[in-house]
Amino acid sequence: MIDLKLYEIKAEKIKAIAHPQRLCIIKGLIEGGCNVTKIQECLGLPQSTVSQHLAKLKSAGIIAGSRNGLEICYRVVDEEIISVAKILLKDEIKI
């Protein structure tokens, strides 16, 4: 019998990145972007909106943040998502 729990987890990750702004955030983090302010400036979105997107990605286990003083530096920690993003954005990602 197939373990559907595994498929549910993968589907949740796909749902989390299936938003243009979150996909752009992932791209920026893969390229070396880091904090909310940089992401906000790049996307032209309010900080609260960026924070909500980051929270969604974090709850899906796609990104993690590490605190440096008052700043939190985010990075993509899910290797599968990095691979998927590189495939989806092969002409866009500059590493």
PDB file of N, CA and C in Angstrom:
ATOM      1  N   MET A   1       0.846  -1.192   0.000  1.00  0.00           N
ATOM      2  CA  MET A   1       0.000   0.000   0.000  1.00  0.00           C
ATOM      3  C   MET A   1       0.888   1.251   0.000  1.00  0.00           C
ATOM      4  N   ILE A   2       0.479   2.257  -0.728  1.00  0.00           N
ATOM      5  CA  ILE A   2       1.212   3.521  -0.836  1.00  0.00           C
ATOM      6  C   ILE A   2       1.001   4.360   0.421  1.00  0.00           C
ATOM      7  N   ASP A   3       2.066   4.950   0.905  1.00  0.00           N
ATOM      8  CA  ASP A   3       1.986   5.845   2.059  1.00  0.00           C
ATOM      9  C   ASP A   3       1.598   7.239   1.569  1.00  0.00           C
ATOM     10  N   LEU A   4       0.326   7.571   1.674  1.00  0.00           N
ATOM     11  CA  LEU A   4      -0.164   8.852   1.176  1.00  0.00           C
ATOM     12  C   LEU A   4       0.351  10.039   1.986  1.00  0.00           C
ATOM     13  N   LYS A   5       0.806   9.789   3.191  1.00  0.00           N
ATOM     14  CA  LYS A   5       1.337  10.882   4.016  1.00  0.00           C
ATOM     15  C   LYS A   5       2.521  11.551   3.320  1.00  0.00           C
ATOM     16  N   LEU A   6       3.380  10.768   2.703  1.00  0.00           N
ATOM     17  CA  LEU A   6       4.514  11.305   1.967  1.00  0.00           C
ATOM     18  C   LEU A   6       4.039  12.231   0.850  1.00  0.00           C
ATOM     19  N   TYR A   7       3.014  11.803   0.122  1.00  0.00           N
ATOM     20  CA  TYR A   7       2.473  12.610  -0.964  1.00  0.00           C
ATOM     21  C   TYR A   7       1.800  13.876  -0.442  1.00  0.00           C
ATOM     22  N   GLU A   8       1.172  13.782   0.710  1.00  0.00           N
ATOM     23  CA  GLU A   8       0.556  14.966   1.323  1.00  0.00           C
ATOM     24  C   GLU A   8       1.615  16.006   1.671  1.00  0.00           C
ATOM     25  N   ILE A   9       2.736  15.559   2.222  1.00  0.00           N
ATOM     26  CA  ILE A   9       3.825  16.463   2.580  1.00  0.00           C
ATOM     27  C   ILE A   9       4.375  17.156   1.333  1.00  0.00           C
ATOM     28  N   LYS A  10       4.608  16.389   0.278  1.00  0.00           N
ATOM     29  CA  LYS A  10       5.128  16.949  -0.977  1.00  0.00           C
ATOM     30  C   LYS A  10       4.123  17.938  -1.582  1.00  0.00           C
ATOM     31  N   ALA A  11       2.833  17.581  -1.532  1.00  0.00           N
ATOM     32  CA  ALA A  11       1.801  18.470  -2.077  1.00  0.00           C
ATOM     33  C   ALA A  11       1.740  19.787  -1.306  1.00  0.00           C
ATOM     34  N   GLU A  12       1.921  19.738   0.011  1.00  0.00           N
ATOM     35  CA  GLU A  12       1.921  20.962   0.811  1.00  0.00           C
ATOM     36  C   GLU A  12       3.089  21.876   0.436  1.00  0.00           C
ATOM     37  N   LYS A  13       4.237  21.276   0.161  1.00  0.00           N
ATOM     38  CA  LYS A  13       5.388  22.073  -0.274  1.00  0.00           C
ATOM     39  C   LYS A  13       5.100  22.736  -1.617  1.00  0.00           C
ATOM     40  N   ILE A  14       4.498  21.968  -2.521  1.00  0.00           N
ATOM     41  CA  ILE A  14       4.169  22.528  -3.829  1.00  0.00           C
ATOM     42  C   ILE A  14       3.165  23.668  -3.687  1.00  0.00           C
ATOM     43  N   LYS A  15       2.176  23.495  -2.817  1.00  0.00           N
ATOM     44  CA  LYS A  15       1.198  24.565  -2.576  1.00  0.00           C
ATOM     45  C   LYS A  15       1.886  25.815  -2.046  1.00  0.00           C
ATOM     46  N   ALA A  16       2.859  25.624  -1.167  1.00  0.00           N
ATOM     47  CA  ALA A  16       3.542  26.765  -0.558  1.00  0.00           C
ATOM     48  C   ALA A  16       4.324  27.579  -1.587  1.00  0.00           C
ATOM     49  N   ILE A  17       4.885  26.917  -2.591  1.00  0.00           N
ATOM     50  CA  ILE A  17       5.663  27.672  -3.582  1.00  0.00           C
ATOM     51  C   ILE A  17       4.809  28.081  -4.784  1.00  0.00           C
ATOM     52  N   ALA A  18       3.552  27.642  -4.827  1.00  0.00           N
ATOM     53  CA  ALA A  18       2.685  27.924  -5.970  1.00  0.00           C
ATOM     54  C   ALA A  18       2.065  29.313  -5.878  1.00  0.00           C
ATOM     55  N   HIS A  19       2.875  30.290  -5.568  1.00  0.00           N
ATOM     56  CA  HIS A  19       2.452  31.685  -5.512  1.00  0.00           C
ATOM     57  C   HIS A  19       3.585  32.491  -6.117  1.00  0.00           C
ATOM     58  N   PRO A  20       3.295  33.379  -7.049  1.00  0.00           N
ATOM     59  CA  PRO A  20       4.376  34.090  -7.743  1.00  0.00           C
ATOM     60  C   PRO A  20       5.341  34.830  -6.812  1.00  0.00           C
ATOM     61  N   GLN A  21       4.820  35.466  -5.782  1.00  0.00           N
ATOM     62  CA  GLN A  21       5.696  36.218  -4.883  1.00  0.00           C
ATOM     63  C   GLN A  21       6.548  35.298  -4.024  1.00  0.00           C
ATOM     64  N   ARG A  22       5.980  34.171  -3.580  1.00  0.00           N
ATOM     65  CA  ARG A  22       6.782  33.228  -2.800  1.00  0.00           C
ATOM     66  C   ARG A  22       7.842  32.565  -3.665  1.00  0.00           C
ATOM     67  N   LEU A  23       7.509  32.278  -4.912  1.00  0.00           N
ATOM     68  CA  LEU A  23       8.497  31.710  -5.827  1.00  0.00           C
ATOM     69  C   LEU A  23       9.629  32.714  -6.065  1.00  0.00           C
ATOM     70  N   CYS A  24       9.289  33.972  -6.168  1.00  0.00           N
ATOM     71  CA  CYS A  24      10.304  35.022  -6.328  1.00  0.00           C
ATOM     72  C   CYS A  24      11.171  35.138  -5.066  1.00  0.00           C
ATOM     73  N   ILE A  25      10.567  35.006  -3.913  1.00  0.00           N
ATOM     74  CA  ILE A  25      11.325  35.031  -2.657  1.00  0.00           C
ATOM     75  C   ILE A  25      12.317  33.870  -2.632  1.00  0.00           C
ATOM     76  N   ILE A  26      11.857  32.684  -3.014  1.00  0.00           N
ATOM     77  CA  ILE A  26      12.740  31.513  -3.043  1.00  0.00           C
ATOM     78  C   ILE A  26      13.900  31.755  -3.993  1.00  0.00           C
ATOM     79  N   LYS A  27      13.602  32.284  -5.162  1.00  0.00           N
ATOM     80  CA  LYS A  27      14.651  32.599  -6.141  1.00  0.00           C
ATOM     81  C   LYS A  27      15.683  33.539  -5.527  1.00  0.00           C
ATOM     82  N   GLY A  28      15.209  34.603  -4.898  1.00  0.00           N
ATOM     83  CA  GLY A  28      16.117  35.571  -4.271  1.00  0.00           C
ATOM     84  C   GLY A  28      16.962  34.965  -3.168  1.00  0.00           C
ATOM     85  N   LEU A  29      16.367  34.077  -2.382  1.00  0.00           N
ATOM     86  CA  LEU A  29      17.118  33.438  -1.302  1.00  0.00           C
ATOM     87  C   LEU A  29      18.158  32.472  -1.851  1.00  0.00           C
ATOM     88  N   ILE A  30      17.826  31.770  -2.917  1.00  0.00           N
ATOM     89  CA  ILE A  30      18.800  30.866  -3.537  1.00  0.00           C
ATOM     90  C   ILE A  30      19.978  31.666  -4.078  1.00  0.00           C
ATOM     91  N   GLU A  31      19.688  32.828  -4.621  1.00  0.00           N
ATOM     92  CA  GLU A  31      20.740  33.675  -5.195  1.00  0.00           C
ATOM     93  C   GLU A  31      21.552  34.403  -4.128  1.00  0.00           C
ATOM     94  N   GLY A  32      21.131  34.315  -2.890  1.00  0.00           N
ATOM     95  CA  GLY A  32      21.915  34.915  -1.821  1.00  0.00           C
ATOM     96  C   GLY A  32      21.231  36.028  -1.066  1.00  0.00           C
ATOM     97  N   GLY A  33      19.982  36.329  -1.405  1.00  0.00           N
ATOM     98  CA  GLY A  33      19.221  37.313  -0.634  1.00  0.00           C
ATOM     99  C   GLY A  33      19.071  36.834   0.791  1.00  0.00           C
ATOM    100  N   CYS A  34      18.671  37.694   1.665  1.00  0.00           N
ATOM    101  CA  CYS A  34      18.740  37.267   3.051  1.00  0.00           C
ATOM    102  C   CYS A  34      17.599  37.778   3.922  1.00  0.00           C
ATOM    103  N   ASN A  35      17.520  39.079   4.116  1.00  0.00           N
ATOM    104  CA  ASN A  35      16.579  39.585   5.123  1.00  0.00           C
ATOM    105  C   ASN A  35      15.299  40.152   4.518  1.00  0.00           C
ATOM    106  N   VAL A  36      14.337  40.423   5.379  1.00  0.00           N
ATOM    107  CA  VAL A  36      13.018  40.894   4.966  1.00  0.00           C
ATOM    108  C   VAL A  36      13.127  42.221   4.216  1.00  0.00           C
ATOM    109  N   THR A  37      13.970  43.117   4.671  1.00  0.00           N
ATOM    110  CA  THR A  37      14.097  44.427   4.035  1.00  0.00           C
ATOM    111  C   THR A  37      14.561  44.291   2.588  1.00  0.00           C
ATOM    112  N   LYS A  38      15.570  43.465   2.340  1.00  0.00           N
ATOM    113  CA  LYS A  38      16.053  43.259   0.969  1.00  0.00           C
ATOM    114  C   LYS A  38      14.967  42.651   0.096  1.00  0.00           C
ATOM    115  N   ILE A  39      14.255  41.680   0.628  1.00  0.00           N
ATOM    116  CA  ILE A  39      13.185  41.028  -0.126  1.00  0.00           C
ATOM    117  C   ILE A  39      12.071  42.031  -0.409  1.00  0.00           C
ATOM    118  N   GLN A  40      11.728  42.818   0.591  1.00  0.00           N
ATOM    119  CA  GLN A  40      10.676  43.821   0.459  1.00  0.00           C
ATOM    120  C   GLN A  40      11.023  44.830  -0.632  1.00  0.00           C
ATOM    121  N   GLU A  41      12.251  45.300  -0.633  1.00  0.00           N
ATOM    122  CA  GLU A  41      12.684  46.274  -1.637  1.00  0.00           C
ATOM    123  C   GLU A  41      12.660  45.664  -3.028  1.00  0.00           C
ATOM    124  N   CYS A  42      13.064  44.426  -3.141  1.00  0.00           N
ATOM    125  CA  CYS A  42      13.107  43.736  -4.435  1.00  0.00           C
ATOM    126  C   CYS A  42      11.706  43.541  -5.007  1.00  0.00           C
ATOM    127  N   LEU A  43      10.770  43.144  -4.165  1.00  0.00           N
ATOM    128  CA  LEU A  43       9.412  42.855  -4.623  1.00  0.00           C
ATOM    129  C   LEU A  43       8.505  44.078  -4.629  1.00  0.00           C
ATOM    130  N   GLY A  44       8.890  45.111  -3.885  1.00  0.00           N
ATOM    131  CA  GLY A  44       8.035  46.291  -3.788  1.00  0.00           C
ATOM    132  C   GLY A  44       6.761  46.027  -3.003  1.00  0.00           C
ATOM    133  N   LEU A  45       6.852  45.167  -2.005  1.00  0.00           N
ATOM    134  CA  LEU A  45       5.704  44.808  -1.174  1.00  0.00           C
ATOM    135  C   LEU A  45       5.879  45.362   0.234  1.00  0.00           C
ATOM    136  N   PRO A  46       4.782  45.568   0.941  1.00  0.00           N
ATOM    137  CA  PRO A  46       4.895  45.973   2.349  1.00  0.00           C
ATOM    138  C   PRO A  46       5.595  44.886   3.158  1.00  0.00           C
ATOM    139  N   GLN A  47       6.292  45.297   4.202  1.00  0.00           N
ATOM    140  CA  GLN A  47       7.023  44.346   5.037  1.00  0.00           C
ATOM    141  C   GLN A  47       6.095  43.293   5.630  1.00  0.00           C
ATOM    142  N   SER A  48       4.888  43.688   6.002  1.00  0.00           N
ATOM    143  CA  SER A  48       3.956  42.728   6.598  1.00  0.00           C
ATOM    144  C   SER A  48       3.589  41.623   5.601  1.00  0.00           C
ATOM    145  N   THR A  49       3.442  41.971   4.329  1.00  0.00           N
ATOM    146  CA  THR A  49       3.125  40.977   3.300  1.00  0.00           C
ATOM    147  C   THR A  49       4.292  40.016   3.108  1.00  0.00           C
ATOM    148  N   VAL A  50       5.498  40.557   3.042  1.00  0.00           N
ATOM    149  CA  VAL A  50       6.688  39.720   2.896  1.00  0.00           C
ATOM    150  C   VAL A  50       6.800  38.779   4.093  1.00  0.00           C
ATOM    151  N   SER A  51       6.565  39.299   5.288  1.00  0.00           N
ATOM    152  CA  SER A  51       6.641  38.475   6.497  1.00  0.00           C
ATOM    153  C   SER A  51       5.623  37.338   6.466  1.00  0.00           C
ATOM    154  N   GLN A  52       4.434  37.600   5.936  1.00  0.00           N
ATOM    155  CA  GLN A  52       3.417  36.546   5.829  1.00  0.00           C
ATOM    156  C   GLN A  52       3.862  35.460   4.858  1.00  0.00           C
ATOM    157  N   HIS A  53       4.441  35.873   3.736  1.00  0.00           N
ATOM    158  CA  HIS A  53       4.951  34.890   2.773  1.00  0.00           C
ATOM    159  C   HIS A  53       6.081  34.067   3.392  1.00  0.00           C
ATOM    160  N   LEU A  54       6.981  34.728   4.097  1.00  0.00           N
ATOM    161  CA  LEU A  54       8.088  34.018   4.745  1.00  0.00           C
ATOM    162  C   LEU A  54       7.559  33.032   5.786  1.00  0.00           C
ATOM    163  N   ALA A  55       6.541  33.431   6.524  1.00  0.00           N
ATOM    164  CA  ALA A  55       5.950  32.544   7.533  1.00  0.00           C
ATOM    165  C   ALA A  55       5.359  31.295   6.884  1.00  0.00           C
ATOM    166  N   LYS A  56       4.715  31.465   5.735  1.00  0.00           N
ATOM    167  CA  LYS A  56       4.135  30.323   5.011  1.00  0.00           C
ATOM    168  C   LYS A  56       5.243  29.373   4.554  1.00  0.00           C
ATOM    169  N   LEU A  57       6.325  29.928   4.006  1.00  0.00           N
ATOM    170  CA  LEU A  57       7.440  29.105   3.543  1.00  0.00           C
ATOM    171  C   LEU A  57       8.143  28.418   4.710  1.00  0.00           C
ATOM    172  N   LYS A  58       8.247  29.128   5.822  1.00  0.00           N
ATOM    173  CA  LYS A  58       8.895  28.557   7.005  1.00  0.00           C
ATOM    174  C   LYS A  58       8.058  27.424   7.596  1.00  0.00           C
ATOM    175  N   SER A  59       6.749  27.616   7.660  1.00  0.00           N
ATOM    176  CA  SER A  59       5.887  26.574   8.233  1.00  0.00           C
ATOM    177  C   SER A  59       5.865  25.321   7.357  1.00  0.00           C
ATOM    178  N   ALA A  60       6.153  25.479   6.062  1.00  0.00           N
ATOM    179  CA  ALA A  60       6.223  24.327   5.161  1.00  0.00           C
ATOM    180  C   ALA A  60       7.592  23.656   5.210  1.00  0.00           C
ATOM    181  N   GLY A  61       8.520  24.223   5.993  1.00  0.00           N
ATOM    182  CA  GLY A  61       9.852  23.636   6.119  1.00  0.00           C
ATOM    183  C   GLY A  61      10.764  23.932   4.944  1.00  0.00           C
ATOM    184  N   ILE A  62      10.415  24.941   4.159  1.00  0.00           N
ATOM    185  CA  ILE A  62      11.185  25.272   2.959  1.00  0.00           C
ATOM    186  C   ILE A  62      12.335  26.215   3.272  1.00  0.00           C
ATOM    187  N   ILE A  63      12.109  27.137   4.190  1.00  0.00           N
ATOM    188  CA  ILE A  63      13.158  28.087   4.580  1.00  0.00           C
ATOM    189  C   ILE A  63      13.382  28.028   6.082  1.00  0.00           C
ATOM    190  N   ALA A  64      14.510  28.567   6.488  1.00  0.00           N
ATOM    191  CA  ALA A  64      14.820  28.715   7.912  1.00  0.00           C
ATOM    192  C   ALA A  64      15.502  30.062   8.074  1.00  0.00           C
ATOM    193  N   GLY A  65      15.402  30.599   9.262  1.00  0.00           N
ATOM    194  CA  GLY A  65      16.026  31.878   9.538  1.00  0.00           C
ATOM    195  C   GLY A  65      16.967  31.778  10.715  1.00  0.00           C
ATOM    196  N   SER A  66      18.038  32.563  10.645  1.00  0.00           N
ATOM    197  CA  SER A  66      18.955  32.640  11.779  1.00  0.00           C
ATOM    198  C   SER A  66      19.101  34.105  12.162  1.00  0.00           C
ATOM    199  N   ARG A  67      19.031  34.346  13.456  1.00  0.00           N
ATOM    200  CA  ARG A  67      19.060  35.709  13.958  1.00  0.00           C
ATOM    201  C   ARG A  67      20.498  36.210  14.066  1.00  0.00           C
ATOM    202  N   ASN A  68      20.681  37.460  13.628  1.00  0.00           N
ATOM    203  CA  ASN A  68      21.959  38.159  13.752  1.00  0.00           C
ATOM    204  C   ASN A  68      21.632  39.544  14.303  1.00  0.00           C
ATOM    205  N   GLY A  69      21.656  39.664  15.621  1.00  0.00           N
ATOM    206  CA  GLY A  69      21.224  40.919  16.252  1.00  0.00           C
ATOM    207  C   GLY A  69      19.727  41.081  16.069  1.00  0.00           C
ATOM    208  N   LEU A  70      19.308  42.198  15.468  1.00  0.00           N
ATOM    209  CA  LEU A  70      17.887  42.439  15.223  1.00  0.00           C
ATOM    210  C   LEU A  70      17.420  41.866  13.890  1.00  0.00           C
ATOM    211  N   GLU A  71      18.361  41.434  13.075  1.00  0.00           N
ATOM    212  CA  GLU A  71      18.046  40.966  11.735  1.00  0.00           C
ATOM    213  C   GLU A  71      17.946  39.442  11.697  1.00  0.00           C
ATOM    214  N   ILE A  72      16.996  38.955  10.911  1.00  0.00           N
ATOM    215  CA  ILE A  72      16.901  37.513  10.667  1.00  0.00           C
ATOM    216  C   ILE A  72      17.293  37.283   9.217  1.00  0.00           C
ATOM    217  N   CYS A  73      18.254  36.399   9.028  1.00  0.00           N
ATOM    218  CA  CYS A  73      18.727  36.056   7.688  1.00  0.00           C
ATOM    219  C   CYS A  73      18.090  34.722   7.292  1.00  0.00           C
ATOM    220  N   TYR A  74      17.334  34.743   6.197  1.00  0.00           N
ATOM    221  CA  TYR A  74      16.635  33.541   5.742  1.00  0.00           C
ATOM    222  C   TYR A  74      17.428  32.844   4.650  1.00  0.00           C
ATOM    223  N   ARG A  75      17.233  31.515   4.565  1.00  0.00           N
ATOM    224  CA  ARG A  75      17.848  30.720   3.508  1.00  0.00           C
ATOM    225  C   ARG A  75      16.929  29.541   3.195  1.00  0.00           C
ATOM    226  N   VAL A  76      17.024  29.040   1.979  1.00  0.00           N
ATOM    227  CA  VAL A  76      16.232  27.873   1.588  1.00  0.00           C
ATOM    228  C   VAL A  76      16.969  26.639   2.102  1.00  0.00           C
ATOM    229  N   VAL A  77      16.285  25.817   2.867  1.00  0.00           N
ATOM    230  CA  VAL A  77      16.911  24.639   3.476  1.00  0.00           C
ATOM    231  C   VAL A  77      16.413  23.333   2.864  1.00  0.00           C
ATOM    232  N   ASP A  78      15.394  23.403   2.050  1.00  0.00           N
ATOM    233  CA  ASP A  78      14.824  22.204   1.447  1.00  0.00           C
ATOM    234  C   ASP A  78      15.466  21.976   0.077  1.00  0.00           C
ATOM    235  N   GLU A  79      16.299  20.950  -0.010  1.00  0.00           N
ATOM    236  CA  GLU A  79      17.032  20.667  -1.241  1.00  0.00           C
ATOM    237  C   GLU A  79      16.101  20.327  -2.405  1.00  0.00           C
ATOM    238  N   GLU A  80      14.984  19.656  -2.114  1.00  0.00           N
ATOM    239  CA  GLU A  80      14.027  19.341  -3.185  1.00  0.00           C
ATOM    240  C   GLU A  80      13.449  20.616  -3.789  1.00  0.00           C
ATOM    241  N   ILE A  81      13.138  21.579  -2.950  1.00  0.00           N
ATOM    242  CA  ILE A  81      12.573  22.845  -3.434  1.00  0.00           C
ATOM    243  C   ILE A  81      13.624  23.614  -4.229  1.00  0.00           C
ATOM    244  N   ILE A  82      14.868  23.563  -3.793  1.00  0.00           N
ATOM    245  CA  ILE A  82      15.945  24.206  -4.558  1.00  0.00           C
ATOM    246  C   ILE A  82      16.007  23.588  -5.952  1.00  0.00           C
ATOM    247  N   SER A  83      15.947  22.269  -6.024  1.00  0.00           N
ATOM    248  CA  SER A  83      15.978  21.577  -7.322  1.00  0.00           C
ATOM    249  C   SER A  83      14.786  21.960  -8.188  1.00  0.00           C
ATOM    250  N   VAL A  84      13.597  21.988  -7.597  1.00  0.00           N
ATOM    251  CA  VAL A  84      12.390  22.349  -8.338  1.00  0.00           C
ATOM    252  C   VAL A  84      12.490  23.794  -8.843  1.00  0.00           C
ATOM    253  N   ALA A  85      12.942  24.703  -7.985  1.00  0.00           N
ATOM    254  CA  ALA A  85      13.067  26.106  -8.375  1.00  0.00           C
ATOM    255  C   ALA A  85      14.069  26.267  -9.509  1.00  0.00           C
ATOM    256  N   LYS A  86      15.165  25.531  -9.444  1.00  0.00           N
ATOM    257  CA  LYS A  86      16.166  25.614 -10.505  1.00  0.00           C
ATOM    258  C   LYS A  86      15.601  25.115 -11.832  1.00  0.00           C
ATOM    259  N   ILE A  87      14.737  24.123 -11.780  1.00  0.00           N
ATOM    260  CA  ILE A  87      14.106  23.629 -13.002  1.00  0.00           C
ATOM    261  C   ILE A  87      13.085  24.653 -13.518  1.00  0.00           C
ATOM    262  N   LEU A  88      12.224  25.133 -12.622  1.00  0.00           N
ATOM    263  CA  LEU A  88      11.190  26.077 -13.029  1.00  0.00           C
ATOM    264  C   LEU A  88      11.758  27.413 -13.509  1.00  0.00           C
ATOM    265  N   LEU A  89      12.844  27.829 -12.890  1.00  0.00           N
ATOM    266  CA  LEU A  89      13.413  29.156 -13.169  1.00  0.00           C
ATOM    267  C   LEU A  89      14.803  29.062 -13.783  1.00  0.00           C
ATOM    268  N   LYS A  90      15.032  28.042 -14.579  1.00  0.00           N
ATOM    269  CA  LYS A  90      16.384  27.770 -15.084  1.00  0.00           C
ATOM    270  C   LYS A  90      17.017  28.955 -15.799  1.00  0.00           C
ATOM    271  N   ASP A  91      16.211  29.788 -16.442  1.00  0.00           N
ATOM    272  CA  ASP A  91      16.760  30.951 -17.135  1.00  0.00           C
ATOM    273  C   ASP A  91      16.788  32.195 -16.259  1.00  0.00           C
ATOM    274  N   GLU A  92      16.263  32.093 -15.058  1.00  0.00           N
ATOM    275  CA  GLU A  92      16.146  33.243 -14.164  1.00  0.00           C
ATOM    276  C   GLU A  92      17.146  33.236 -13.014  1.00  0.00           C
ATOM    277  N   ILE A  93      17.451  32.056 -12.474  1.00  0.00           N
ATOM    278  CA  ILE A  93      18.299  31.965 -11.289  1.00  0.00           C
ATOM    279  C   ILE A  93      19.757  32.164 -11.684  1.00  0.00           C
ATOM    280  N   LYS A  94      20.406  33.085 -10.977  1.00  0.00           N
ATOM    281  CA  LYS A  94      21.825  33.366 -11.196  1.00  0.00           C
ATOM    282  C   LYS A  94      22.576  32.979  -9.947  1.00  0.00           C
ATOM    283  N   ILE A  95      23.351  31.928 -10.055  1.00  0.00           N
ATOM    284  CA  ILE A  95      24.095  31.456  -8.876  1.00  0.00           C
ATOM    285  C   ILE A  95      25.587  31.612  -9.134  1.00  0.00           C
TER     286      ILE A  95
END
